[in-house]
Amino acid sequence: MRRFLVLLALAGVATAATAQLRSIPQEAKRGKISHLQGMRVEIDGKAQRLSPGAQILDPDNRLVLPAYLPVKSDVKYLLDRDGMVHRVWILSAREKAPAK
């Protein structure tokens, strides 16, 4: 019985952890992104270059290759010190919703 209660408690903690939103930095800018070619993307109509080691994460935090970006994905992104796109988070429906 004790093992069952421990497992039940752990399952509740795991469920709560997966329900949390990811941590996207406050300074991340919002935009619409599409892949152009190679390491080039377009954000809000402006062509930009992905930095070496750039990461694009889908709503489940899985890595996405630039060529597989859905067209005009709603994202938040950060630039590196050279002005190249360095981190991209494709927003979930919940993250797109205005804060209450």
Protein backbone atom coordinates (compact mmCIF):
# COMPACT_ATOMS: atom_id res chain seq x y z
CA MET A 1 0.00 0.00 0.00
CA ARG A 2 2.83 2.37 0.87
CA ARG A 3 4.48 1.79 -2.54
CA PHE A 4 1.21 2.56 -4.28
CA LEU A 5 0.89 5.88 -2.45
CA VAL A 6 4.49 6.82 -3.29
CA LEU A 7 3.92 5.99 -6.97
CA LEU A 8 0.68 7.96 -6.98
CA ALA A 9 2.46 10.99 -5.47
CA LEU A 10 5.28 10.77 -8.01
CA ALA A 11 2.79 10.52 -10.88
CA GLY A 12 1.11 13.70 -9.66
CA VAL A 13 4.42 15.57 -9.54
CA ALA A 14 5.34 14.39 -13.05
CA THR A 15 1.97 15.50 -14.43
CA ALA A 16 2.29 18.93 -12.84
CA ALA A 17 5.80 19.37 -14.27
CA THR A 18 4.69 18.60 -17.82
CA ALA A 19 1.77 21.04 -17.57
CA GLN A 20 4.09 24.01 -16.90
CA LEU A 21 5.01 26.42 -19.66
CA ARG A 22 8.60 26.51 -20.79
CA SER A 23 10.91 29.23 -19.71
CA ILE A 24 11.28 31.71 -22.56
CA PRO A 25 13.43 34.74 -21.65
CA GLN A 26 11.58 38.04 -21.14
CA GLU A 27 13.87 39.78 -23.65
CA ALA A 28 12.87 37.39 -26.46
CA LYS A 29 11.20 39.22 -29.34
CA ARG A 30 8.00 37.98 -30.97
CA GLY A 31 7.63 37.48 -34.70
CA LYS A 32 6.59 35.32 -37.64
CA ILE A 33 9.37 33.14 -39.06
CA SER A 34 9.76 31.17 -42.30
CA HIS A 35 12.73 29.30 -43.72
CA LEU A 36 14.29 30.80 -46.84
CA GLN A 37 17.32 28.70 -47.76
CA GLY A 38 20.16 27.02 -45.90
CA MET A 39 20.84 29.01 -42.74
CA ARG A 40 18.65 31.93 -43.78
CA VAL A 41 15.22 32.67 -42.36
CA GLU A 42 12.74 35.48 -42.72
CA ILE A 43 11.34 37.12 -39.61
CA ASP A 44 8.52 39.61 -40.11
CA GLY A 45 9.51 40.11 -43.75
CA LYS A 46 13.22 40.65 -43.06
CA ALA A 47 15.84 38.10 -44.16
CA GLN A 48 18.15 37.08 -41.33
CA ARG A 49 20.89 34.53 -40.80
CA LEU A 50 20.86 31.76 -38.20
CA SER A 51 23.92 31.71 -35.98
CA PRO A 52 26.24 28.70 -35.88
CA GLY A 53 24.63 26.38 -33.33
CA ALA A 54 21.24 28.09 -33.53
CA GLN A 55 18.38 26.15 -31.95
CA ILE A 56 14.78 26.10 -33.08
CA LEU A 57 12.43 24.47 -30.57
CA ASP A 58 8.87 23.35 -31.26
CA PRO A 59 6.09 23.74 -28.64
CA ASP A 60 7.22 20.44 -27.05
CA ASN A 61 10.86 21.65 -26.86
CA ARG A 62 12.03 19.30 -29.62
CA LEU A 63 14.67 20.56 -32.03
CA VAL A 64 13.42 21.53 -35.49
CA LEU A 65 15.65 21.76 -38.54
CA PRO A 66 15.31 25.11 -40.33
CA ALA A 67 13.98 23.49 -43.51
CA TYR A 68 11.10 21.97 -41.51
CA LEU A 69 9.87 25.22 -40.01
CA PRO A 70 6.17 25.68 -40.71
CA VAL A 71 5.67 28.79 -42.88
CA LYS A 72 5.05 31.96 -40.85
CA SER A 73 5.36 30.21 -37.50
CA ASP A 74 4.50 32.41 -34.53
CA VAL A 75 7.71 32.49 -32.47
CA LYS A 76 9.78 34.22 -29.86
CA TYR A 77 13.48 34.55 -30.68
CA LEU A 78 16.80 35.86 -29.44
CA LEU A 79 19.68 37.29 -31.44
CA ASP A 80 23.34 36.70 -30.61
CA ARG A 81 25.87 39.51 -30.13
CA ASP A 82 26.49 39.59 -33.91
CA GLY A 83 22.78 40.10 -34.67
CA MET A 84 22.19 36.55 -35.92
CA VAL A 85 19.15 34.54 -34.86
CA HIS A 86 20.39 32.24 -32.09
CA ARG A 87 17.39 30.76 -30.24
CA VAL A 88 13.84 30.31 -31.55
CA TRP A 89 10.79 29.01 -29.69
CA ILE A 90 7.76 28.09 -31.83
CA LEU A 91 4.84 29.13 -29.64
CA SER A 92 2.07 26.80 -28.52
CA ALA A 93 -1.55 27.95 -28.58
CA ARG A 94 -1.32 28.60 -24.84
CA GLU A 95 1.84 30.70 -25.24
CA LYS A 96 0.23 32.73 -28.05
CA ALA A 97 -2.73 33.68 -25.85
CA PRO A 98 -2.51 37.08 -24.19
CA ALA A 99 -1.47 37.03 -20.54
CA LYS A 100 -4.29 37.40 -18.07
